[in-house]
C-alpha cells in the first residue's frame, strides 16, 4: 500500500488500491467499536456521515427509520455496489445512501460523523484540513466518533501512525 501511495499520491492511490484489489482493511462485519456503541444506545438518531465508508458495512449497520446515514468514498465503483446492495435490502435512500466524492470538498450538516480508520488513511499533511472539515460538517453540539488506529510511532503508511496528542 505504501508503494501505491508514493506512486499515485494521497488520493489517487486509494482508487488504485480498490482497482488492484489491495484492500486489507475490508472487514466482514461492522466495526466492533461501533457495534458496542450502538448496543449501548450511545449513537443518536439524525443525520450520520461515514467518510471512507468502503463496502458500507458500518452504514448498513447504523441505518434505521430514524436516521439518514450517508457513506462517502472516493471509489465510484464501491459506491455503485453499495447502492445496489441497499436497493436489494429494500432500504430507502433517505435512510441509507452512498456518495462518491472527496471528503474535503463534501458539503452537508451532520449530527454524527463516524471515523474508523479514515484519519489514519490520510497522509499526515491533511490532518489540519481533516479537523477543519469535520468542524464544518458537524452541526453545533454534534458528535464526532473517532476510533483511532494505529496508536504507535511507525514510519510511513497508510495506515499512518496516530497518537492521542496527534
N, C-alpha and C. Protein backbone atom coordinates (compact mmCIF):
# COMPACT_ATOMS: atom_id res chain seq x y z
N UNK A 1 0.82 -1.19 0.00
CA UNK A 1 0.00 0.00 0.00
C UNK A 1 0.87 1.26 0.00
N UNK A 2 1.96 1.21 0.73
CA UNK A 2 2.82 2.39 0.77
C UNK A 2 3.39 2.71 -0.61
N UNK A 3 3.75 1.67 -1.37
CA UNK A 3 4.30 1.90 -2.71
C UNK A 3 3.26 2.57 -3.61
N UNK A 4 2.00 2.13 -3.53
CA UNK A 4 0.94 2.77 -4.33
C UNK A 4 0.73 4.21 -3.88
N UNK A 5 0.80 4.42 -2.59
CA UNK A 5 0.63 5.78 -2.05
C UNK A 5 1.72 6.69 -2.60
N UNK A 6 2.95 6.20 -2.60
CA UNK A 6 4.06 7.00 -3.10
C UNK A 6 3.98 7.19 -4.62
N UNK A 7 3.53 6.16 -5.34
CA UNK A 7 3.46 6.24 -6.81
C UNK A 7 2.33 7.16 -7.29
N UNK A 8 1.15 7.04 -6.69
CA UNK A 8 -0.04 7.74 -7.20
C UNK A 8 -0.45 8.97 -6.40
N UNK A 9 0.10 9.14 -5.21
CA UNK A 9 -0.27 10.28 -4.39
C UNK A 9 -1.36 9.95 -3.40
N UNK A 10 -1.64 10.89 -2.50
CA UNK A 10 -2.52 10.60 -1.37
C UNK A 10 -3.99 10.32 -1.69
N UNK A 11 -4.48 10.73 -2.84
CA UNK A 11 -5.89 10.46 -3.17
C UNK A 11 -6.03 9.35 -4.21
N UNK A 12 -5.36 9.49 -5.31
CA UNK A 12 -5.47 8.51 -6.40
C UNK A 12 -5.04 7.11 -5.95
N UNK A 13 -4.14 7.04 -4.97
CA UNK A 13 -3.67 5.72 -4.51
C UNK A 13 -4.81 4.87 -3.97
N UNK A 14 -5.82 5.52 -3.34
CA UNK A 14 -6.95 4.74 -2.80
C UNK A 14 -7.77 4.11 -3.92
N UNK A 15 -7.95 4.83 -4.98
CA UNK A 15 -8.67 4.27 -6.13
C UNK A 15 -7.86 3.11 -6.71
N UNK A 16 -6.56 3.28 -6.80
CA UNK A 16 -5.71 2.21 -7.32
C UNK A 16 -5.74 0.97 -6.41
N UNK A 17 -5.77 1.17 -5.11
CA UNK A 17 -5.85 0.02 -4.19
C UNK A 17 -7.13 -0.77 -4.42
N UNK A 18 -8.25 -0.06 -4.61
CA UNK A 18 -9.51 -0.75 -4.91
C UNK A 18 -9.41 -1.46 -6.25
N UNK A 19 -8.91 -0.77 -7.27
CA UNK A 19 -8.80 -1.35 -8.60
C UNK A 19 -7.93 -2.61 -8.60
N UNK A 20 -6.85 -2.58 -7.84
CA UNK A 20 -5.91 -3.69 -7.79
C UNK A 20 -6.26 -4.71 -6.70
N UNK A 21 -7.41 -4.50 -6.06
CA UNK A 21 -7.90 -5.39 -5.01
C UNK A 21 -6.88 -5.56 -3.87
N UNK A 22 -6.22 -4.47 -3.56
CA UNK A 22 -5.32 -4.42 -2.41
C UNK A 22 -6.05 -3.71 -1.28
N UNK A 23 -7.02 -4.42 -0.70
CA UNK A 23 -7.90 -3.82 0.30
C UNK A 23 -7.90 -4.64 1.60
N UNK A 24 -6.75 -4.70 2.27
CA UNK A 24 -6.70 -5.50 3.50
C UNK A 24 -7.54 -4.92 4.63
N UNK A 25 -8.03 -3.70 4.48
CA UNK A 25 -8.85 -3.08 5.51
C UNK A 25 -10.28 -3.59 5.48
N UNK A 26 -10.68 -4.27 4.42
CA UNK A 26 -12.06 -4.76 4.34
C UNK A 26 -12.37 -5.70 5.50
N UNK A 27 -13.54 -5.51 6.06
CA UNK A 27 -13.98 -6.33 7.19
C UNK A 27 -15.16 -7.20 6.73
N UNK A 28 -15.58 -8.08 7.59
CA UNK A 28 -16.73 -8.94 7.28
C UNK A 28 -17.99 -8.51 8.03
N UNK A 29 -17.84 -7.56 8.93
CA UNK A 29 -18.99 -7.03 9.67
C UNK A 29 -18.68 -5.60 10.09
N UNK A 30 -19.68 -4.92 10.60
CA UNK A 30 -19.48 -3.56 11.09
C UNK A 30 -18.41 -3.57 12.17
N UNK A 31 -17.73 -2.45 12.30
CA UNK A 31 -16.64 -2.38 13.28
C UNK A 31 -17.17 -2.67 14.69
N UNK A 32 -16.38 -3.40 15.43
CA UNK A 32 -16.81 -3.84 16.77
C UNK A 32 -17.04 -2.67 17.71
N UNK A 33 -16.21 -1.62 17.60
CA UNK A 33 -16.41 -0.45 18.44
C UNK A 33 -17.75 0.22 18.17
N UNK A 34 -18.11 0.29 16.90
CA UNK A 34 -19.40 0.86 16.52
C UNK A 34 -20.55 -0.01 17.04
N UNK A 35 -20.41 -1.31 16.92
CA UNK A 35 -21.44 -2.20 17.43
C UNK A 35 -21.64 -2.01 18.94
N UNK A 36 -20.54 -1.86 19.65
CA UNK A 36 -20.62 -1.66 21.10
C UNK A 36 -21.35 -0.35 21.41
N UNK A 37 -20.98 0.72 20.74
CA UNK A 37 -21.65 2.00 20.97
C UNK A 37 -23.13 1.93 20.64
N UNK A 38 -23.47 1.27 19.56
CA UNK A 38 -24.89 1.15 19.17
C UNK A 38 -25.65 0.28 20.18
N UNK A 39 -25.05 -0.81 20.61
CA UNK A 39 -25.71 -1.67 21.60
C UNK A 39 -25.93 -0.96 22.92
N UNK A 40 -25.05 -0.02 23.24
CA UNK A 40 -25.20 0.78 24.46
C UNK A 40 -26.11 1.98 24.24
N UNK A 41 -26.67 2.10 23.05
CA UNK A 41 -27.59 3.19 22.70
C UNK A 41 -26.92 4.56 22.85
N UNK A 42 -25.65 4.64 22.46
CA UNK A 42 -24.90 5.88 22.60
C UNK A 42 -24.83 6.68 21.30
N UNK A 43 -25.36 6.13 20.22
CA UNK A 43 -25.34 6.84 18.94
C UNK A 43 -26.74 7.39 18.69
N UNK A 44 -26.84 8.71 18.62
CA UNK A 44 -28.17 9.31 18.44
C UNK A 44 -28.71 9.12 17.03
N UNK A 45 -29.99 9.37 16.90
CA UNK A 45 -30.62 9.39 15.59
C UNK A 45 -30.30 10.71 14.91
N UNK A 46 -30.69 10.85 13.66
CA UNK A 46 -30.44 12.06 12.91
C UNK A 46 -29.61 11.76 11.68
N UNK A 47 -28.88 12.76 11.23
CA UNK A 47 -28.04 12.62 10.04
C UNK A 47 -26.64 12.17 10.45
N UNK A 48 -26.18 11.08 9.83
CA UNK A 48 -24.89 10.49 10.16
C UNK A 48 -24.06 10.38 8.88
N UNK A 49 -22.78 10.75 8.99
CA UNK A 49 -21.85 10.64 7.87
C UNK A 49 -20.75 9.66 8.25
N UNK A 50 -20.40 8.77 7.30
CA UNK A 50 -19.28 7.86 7.47
C UNK A 50 -18.33 8.06 6.28
N UNK A 51 -17.28 8.88 6.48
CA UNK A 51 -16.32 9.09 5.39
C UNK A 51 -15.41 7.88 5.23
N UNK A 52 -15.01 7.62 3.98
CA UNK A 52 -14.16 6.45 3.72
C UNK A 52 -14.92 5.17 4.03
N UNK A 53 -16.17 5.10 3.62
CA UNK A 53 -17.08 4.02 4.03
C UNK A 53 -16.75 2.67 3.41
N UNK A 54 -15.95 2.64 2.34
CA UNK A 54 -15.62 1.36 1.73
C UNK A 54 -16.85 0.58 1.34
N UNK A 55 -16.91 -0.67 1.75
CA UNK A 55 -18.02 -1.54 1.37
C UNK A 55 -19.29 -1.29 2.16
N UNK A 56 -19.31 -0.29 3.02
CA UNK A 56 -20.55 0.19 3.62
C UNK A 56 -21.09 -0.57 4.81
N UNK A 57 -20.32 -1.46 5.40
CA UNK A 57 -20.85 -2.28 6.50
C UNK A 57 -21.31 -1.43 7.68
N UNK A 58 -20.56 -0.38 8.01
CA UNK A 58 -20.96 0.48 9.13
C UNK A 58 -22.21 1.27 8.78
N UNK A 59 -22.32 1.69 7.53
CA UNK A 59 -23.51 2.43 7.10
C UNK A 59 -24.75 1.54 7.23
N UNK A 60 -24.67 0.34 6.70
CA UNK A 60 -25.81 -0.58 6.79
C UNK A 60 -26.15 -0.88 8.24
N UNK A 61 -25.15 -1.02 9.07
CA UNK A 61 -25.37 -1.35 10.48
C UNK A 61 -26.15 -0.26 11.20
N UNK A 62 -25.84 1.00 10.91
CA UNK A 62 -26.49 2.12 11.61
C UNK A 62 -27.83 2.53 11.03
N UNK A 63 -28.14 2.07 9.83
CA UNK A 63 -29.36 2.51 9.16
C UNK A 63 -30.61 2.04 9.91
N UNK A 64 -31.51 2.99 10.14
CA UNK A 64 -32.85 2.68 10.63
C UNK A 64 -33.78 3.80 10.20
N UNK A 65 -35.05 3.70 10.52
CA UNK A 65 -36.04 4.67 10.04
C UNK A 65 -35.89 6.04 10.70
N UNK A 66 -35.10 6.14 11.76
CA UNK A 66 -34.89 7.42 12.44
C UNK A 66 -33.56 8.08 12.09
N UNK A 67 -32.88 7.51 11.13
CA UNK A 67 -31.58 8.03 10.75
C UNK A 67 -31.49 8.20 9.24
N UNK A 68 -30.62 9.13 8.86
CA UNK A 68 -30.24 9.30 7.47
C UNK A 68 -28.73 9.11 7.46
N UNK A 69 -28.28 7.93 7.05
CA UNK A 69 -26.86 7.58 7.11
C UNK A 69 -26.27 7.66 5.70
N UNK A 70 -25.19 8.44 5.58
CA UNK A 70 -24.53 8.64 4.30
C UNK A 70 -23.12 8.08 4.38
N UNK A 71 -22.80 7.20 3.44
CA UNK A 71 -21.45 6.69 3.30
C UNK A 71 -20.77 7.41 2.16
N UNK A 72 -19.57 7.91 2.40
CA UNK A 72 -18.81 8.67 1.41
C UNK A 72 -17.51 7.95 1.11
N UNK A 73 -17.19 7.81 -0.16
CA UNK A 73 -15.92 7.19 -0.54
C UNK A 73 -15.45 7.76 -1.87
N UNK A 74 -14.14 7.77 -2.07
CA UNK A 74 -13.56 8.25 -3.33
C UNK A 74 -13.82 7.30 -4.50
N UNK A 75 -13.97 6.00 -4.20
CA UNK A 75 -14.02 5.00 -5.25
C UNK A 75 -15.44 4.83 -5.79
N UNK A 76 -15.73 5.32 -6.99
CA UNK A 76 -17.11 5.28 -7.51
C UNK A 76 -17.70 3.88 -7.63
N UNK A 77 -16.89 2.89 -7.97
CA UNK A 77 -17.44 1.54 -8.16
C UNK A 77 -17.97 0.94 -6.87
N UNK A 78 -17.29 1.20 -5.74
CA UNK A 78 -17.79 0.65 -4.48
C UNK A 78 -19.08 1.36 -4.08
N UNK A 79 -19.20 2.62 -4.44
CA UNK A 79 -20.43 3.36 -4.16
C UNK A 79 -21.59 2.76 -4.96
N UNK A 80 -21.35 2.47 -6.23
CA UNK A 80 -22.39 1.83 -7.05
C UNK A 80 -22.80 0.48 -6.46
N UNK A 81 -21.82 -0.31 -6.06
CA UNK A 81 -22.12 -1.62 -5.46
C UNK A 81 -22.92 -1.46 -4.17
N UNK A 82 -22.54 -0.50 -3.34
CA UNK A 82 -23.25 -0.29 -2.08
C UNK A 82 -24.69 0.15 -2.30
N UNK A 83 -24.91 1.05 -3.26
CA UNK A 83 -26.28 1.49 -3.53
C UNK A 83 -27.11 0.34 -4.10
N UNK A 84 -26.48 -0.53 -4.86
CA UNK A 84 -27.19 -1.72 -5.36
C UNK A 84 -27.57 -2.64 -4.19
N UNK A 85 -26.63 -2.85 -3.27
CA UNK A 85 -26.92 -3.67 -2.08
C UNK A 85 -28.05 -3.05 -1.25
N UNK A 86 -28.00 -1.73 -1.11
CA UNK A 86 -29.05 -1.03 -0.38
C UNK A 86 -30.42 -1.32 -0.99
N UNK A 87 -30.49 -1.21 -2.32
CA UNK A 87 -31.76 -1.46 -3.01
C UNK A 87 -32.20 -2.91 -2.84
N UNK A 88 -31.25 -3.84 -2.92
CA UNK A 88 -31.58 -5.26 -2.73
C UNK A 88 -32.09 -5.54 -1.32
N UNK A 89 -31.60 -4.78 -0.34
CA UNK A 89 -32.04 -4.96 1.05
C UNK A 89 -33.38 -4.27 1.31
N UNK A 90 -33.85 -3.50 0.32
CA UNK A 90 -35.12 -2.79 0.49
C UNK A 90 -35.01 -1.56 1.37
N UNK A 91 -33.81 -1.01 1.51
CA UNK A 91 -33.62 0.19 2.31
C UNK A 91 -33.90 1.42 1.46
N UNK A 92 -34.43 2.44 2.08
CA UNK A 92 -34.77 3.67 1.37
C UNK A 92 -33.54 4.58 1.30
N UNK A 93 -33.32 5.23 0.14
CA UNK A 93 -32.19 6.15 0.00
C UNK A 93 -32.17 7.28 1.03
N UNK A 94 -33.35 7.70 1.51
CA UNK A 94 -33.36 8.76 2.52
C UNK A 94 -32.85 8.28 3.88
N UNK A 95 -32.79 6.97 4.07
CA UNK A 95 -32.24 6.41 5.31
C UNK A 95 -30.83 5.87 5.14
N UNK A 96 -30.47 5.51 3.92
CA UNK A 96 -29.18 4.87 3.65
C UNK A 96 -28.75 5.26 2.24
N UNK A 97 -27.68 6.05 2.16
CA UNK A 97 -27.24 6.48 0.84
C UNK A 97 -25.72 6.45 0.78
N UNK A 98 -25.21 6.24 -0.40
CA UNK A 98 -23.78 6.20 -0.63
C UNK A 98 -23.44 7.20 -1.73
N UNK A 99 -22.38 7.98 -1.47
CA UNK A 99 -21.99 9.06 -2.37
C UNK A 99 -20.50 8.94 -2.66
N UNK A 100 -20.16 9.10 -3.93
CA UNK A 100 -18.75 9.12 -4.32
C UNK A 100 -18.27 10.57 -4.33
N UNK A 101 -17.18 10.82 -3.64
CA UNK A 101 -16.65 12.18 -3.64
C UNK A 101 -15.46 12.33 -2.72
N UNK A 102 -14.90 13.51 -2.77
CA UNK A 102 -13.75 13.89 -1.98
C UNK A 102 -14.24 14.48 -0.66
N UNK A 103 -13.84 13.90 0.43
CA UNK A 103 -14.24 14.36 1.76
C UNK A 103 -13.99 15.85 1.94
N UNK A 104 -12.88 16.35 1.44
CA UNK A 104 -12.50 17.74 1.67
C UNK A 104 -13.34 18.72 0.86
N UNK A 105 -14.08 18.23 -0.09
CA UNK A 105 -14.97 19.08 -0.89
C UNK A 105 -16.44 18.80 -0.57
N UNK A 106 -16.71 17.85 0.28
CA UNK A 106 -18.07 17.42 0.60
C UNK A 106 -18.78 18.47 1.44
N UNK A 107 -20.07 18.62 1.20
CA UNK A 107 -20.88 19.60 1.93
C UNK A 107 -22.02 18.88 2.64
N UNK A 108 -22.51 19.48 3.69
CA UNK A 108 -23.64 18.95 4.41
C UNK A 108 -23.53 19.29 5.88
N UNK A 109 -24.57 18.93 6.62
CA UNK A 109 -24.60 19.12 8.07
C UNK A 109 -25.03 17.82 8.70
N UNK A 110 -24.23 17.34 9.65
CA UNK A 110 -24.46 16.03 10.23
C UNK A 110 -24.45 16.11 11.75
N UNK A 111 -25.35 15.33 12.36
CA UNK A 111 -25.41 15.23 13.82
C UNK A 111 -24.28 14.35 14.36
N UNK A 112 -23.90 13.36 13.54
CA UNK A 112 -22.86 12.41 13.95
C UNK A 112 -21.95 12.15 12.74
N UNK A 113 -20.66 12.10 12.99
CA UNK A 113 -19.71 11.63 11.99
C UNK A 113 -18.92 10.52 12.64
N UNK A 114 -18.86 9.39 11.95
CA UNK A 114 -18.13 8.22 12.45
C UNK A 114 -16.89 8.01 11.59
N UNK A 115 -15.72 8.12 12.22
CA UNK A 115 -14.44 7.95 11.54
C UNK A 115 -13.74 6.74 12.13
N UNK A 116 -13.69 5.69 11.37
CA UNK A 116 -12.95 4.50 11.77
C UNK A 116 -11.95 4.20 10.67
N UNK A 117 -10.70 4.43 10.95
CA UNK A 117 -9.58 4.24 10.05
C UNK A 117 -9.59 5.21 8.86
N UNK A 118 -10.40 6.26 8.91
CA UNK A 118 -10.34 7.27 7.85
C UNK A 118 -9.18 8.23 8.10
N UNK A 119 -9.06 8.72 9.31
CA UNK A 119 -7.97 9.65 9.63
C UNK A 119 -6.61 9.00 9.41
N UNK A 120 -6.42 7.77 9.84
CA UNK A 120 -5.11 7.13 9.68
C UNK A 120 -4.81 6.81 8.22
N UNK A 121 -5.82 6.82 7.37
CA UNK A 121 -5.61 6.56 5.94
C UNK A 121 -5.09 7.79 5.22
N UNK A 122 -5.30 8.94 5.82
CA UNK A 122 -4.89 10.20 5.20
C UNK A 122 -3.43 10.49 5.48
N UNK A 123 -2.75 10.99 4.46
CA UNK A 123 -1.39 11.47 4.66
C UNK A 123 -1.41 12.49 5.81
N UNK A 124 -0.47 12.41 6.73
CA UNK A 124 -0.47 13.33 7.88
C UNK A 124 -0.54 14.81 7.50
N UNK A 125 -0.12 15.17 6.30
CA UNK A 125 -0.19 16.57 5.88
C UNK A 125 -1.64 17.06 5.76
N UNK A 126 -2.61 16.14 5.76
CA UNK A 126 -4.02 16.50 5.65
C UNK A 126 -4.72 16.63 7.01
N UNK A 127 -4.04 16.42 8.10
CA UNK A 127 -4.71 16.36 9.40
C UNK A 127 -5.38 17.66 9.81
N UNK A 128 -4.75 18.78 9.55
CA UNK A 128 -5.39 20.06 9.88
C UNK A 128 -6.63 20.26 9.01
N UNK A 129 -6.54 19.92 7.73
CA UNK A 129 -7.71 20.02 6.84
C UNK A 129 -8.81 19.08 7.30
N UNK A 130 -8.45 17.87 7.77
CA UNK A 130 -9.42 16.91 8.29
C UNK A 130 -10.19 17.54 9.44
N UNK A 131 -9.46 18.14 10.38
CA UNK A 131 -10.11 18.75 11.55
C UNK A 131 -11.02 19.90 11.14
N UNK A 132 -10.54 20.74 10.21
CA UNK A 132 -11.36 21.86 9.74
C UNK A 132 -12.63 21.37 9.06
N UNK A 133 -12.50 20.34 8.22
CA UNK A 133 -13.66 19.82 7.50
C UNK A 133 -14.65 19.15 8.46
N UNK A 134 -14.14 18.43 9.44
CA UNK A 134 -15.03 17.82 10.43
C UNK A 134 -15.85 18.90 11.13
N UNK A 135 -15.19 19.99 11.49
CA UNK A 135 -15.89 21.09 12.16
C UNK A 135 -16.97 21.68 11.26
N UNK A 136 -16.69 21.80 9.97
CA UNK A 136 -17.67 22.35 9.03
C UNK A 136 -18.88 21.42 8.87
N UNK A 137 -18.64 20.12 8.86
CA UNK A 137 -19.70 19.15 8.60
C UNK A 137 -20.57 18.85 9.82
N UNK A 138 -20.01 19.00 11.01
CA UNK A 138 -20.77 18.72 12.23
C UNK A 138 -21.63 19.91 12.63
N UNK A 139 -22.89 19.65 12.95
CA UNK A 139 -23.75 20.71 13.47
C UNK A 139 -23.25 21.08 14.86
N UNK A 140 -23.54 22.29 15.32
CA UNK A 140 -23.16 22.63 16.70
C UNK A 140 -23.74 21.61 17.68
N UNK A 141 -22.89 21.13 18.55
CA UNK A 141 -23.32 20.10 19.50
C UNK A 141 -23.30 18.69 18.93
N UNK A 142 -22.86 18.55 17.67
CA UNK A 142 -22.80 17.23 17.04
C UNK A 142 -21.74 16.35 17.67
N UNK A 143 -21.76 15.09 17.27
CA UNK A 143 -20.88 14.09 17.85
C UNK A 143 -19.91 13.54 16.80
N UNK A 144 -18.62 13.66 17.08
CA UNK A 144 -17.60 13.05 16.25
C UNK A 144 -17.10 11.81 16.98
N UNK A 145 -17.28 10.67 16.35
CA UNK A 145 -16.80 9.40 16.91
C UNK A 145 -15.58 9.00 16.10
N UNK A 146 -14.44 8.96 16.74
CA UNK A 146 -13.20 8.63 16.05
C UNK A 146 -12.55 7.47 16.78
N UNK A 147 -12.56 6.31 16.16
CA UNK A 147 -11.88 5.15 16.72
C UNK A 147 -10.49 5.14 16.10
N UNK A 148 -9.51 5.54 16.88
CA UNK A 148 -8.17 5.79 16.36
C UNK A 148 -7.34 4.51 16.28
N UNK A 149 -6.68 4.35 15.15
CA UNK A 149 -5.83 3.20 14.89
C UNK A 149 -4.87 3.62 13.80
N UNK A 150 -3.64 3.24 13.79
CA UNK A 150 -2.90 2.59 14.86
C UNK A 150 -2.24 3.63 15.79
N UNK A 151 -2.31 3.38 17.07
CA UNK A 151 -1.65 4.24 18.05
C UNK A 151 -0.24 3.72 18.25
N UNK A 152 0.68 4.24 17.46
CA UNK A 152 2.09 3.86 17.58
C UNK A 152 2.92 4.92 16.87
N UNK A 153 4.19 4.64 16.69
CA UNK A 153 5.05 5.65 16.08
C UNK A 153 5.79 5.12 14.85
N UNK A 154 5.16 4.19 14.11
CA UNK A 154 5.82 3.65 12.92
C UNK A 154 5.95 4.72 11.84
N UNK A 155 6.88 4.50 10.93
CA UNK A 155 7.10 5.42 9.82
C UNK A 155 6.29 4.96 8.61
N UNK A 156 5.89 5.91 7.77
CA UNK A 156 5.20 5.58 6.52
C UNK A 156 3.75 5.23 6.73
N UNK A 157 3.16 4.74 5.66
CA UNK A 157 1.76 4.36 5.71
C UNK A 157 1.19 4.39 4.30
N UNK A 158 -0.01 4.21 4.10
CA UNK A 158 -1.07 4.01 5.09
C UNK A 158 -1.08 2.60 5.67
N UNK A 159 -1.61 2.42 6.84
CA UNK A 159 -2.11 3.44 7.74
C UNK A 159 -0.95 4.23 8.35
N UNK A 160 -1.21 5.50 8.57
CA UNK A 160 -0.23 6.38 9.18
C UNK A 160 -0.41 6.37 10.68
N UNK A 161 0.70 6.44 11.39
CA UNK A 161 0.67 6.39 12.85
C UNK A 161 -0.11 7.56 13.43
N UNK A 162 -0.78 7.29 14.53
CA UNK A 162 -1.53 8.31 15.27
C UNK A 162 -1.11 8.25 16.73
N UNK A 163 -1.35 9.33 17.43
CA UNK A 163 -1.16 9.37 18.87
C UNK A 163 -2.34 10.11 19.46
N UNK A 164 -2.55 9.96 20.73
CA UNK A 164 -3.65 10.69 21.39
C UNK A 164 -3.43 12.19 21.23
N UNK A 165 -2.18 12.62 21.31
CA UNK A 165 -1.86 14.04 21.18
C UNK A 165 -1.97 14.52 19.75
N UNK A 166 -1.75 13.65 18.79
CA UNK A 166 -1.67 13.94 17.37
C UNK A 166 -0.65 15.01 17.16
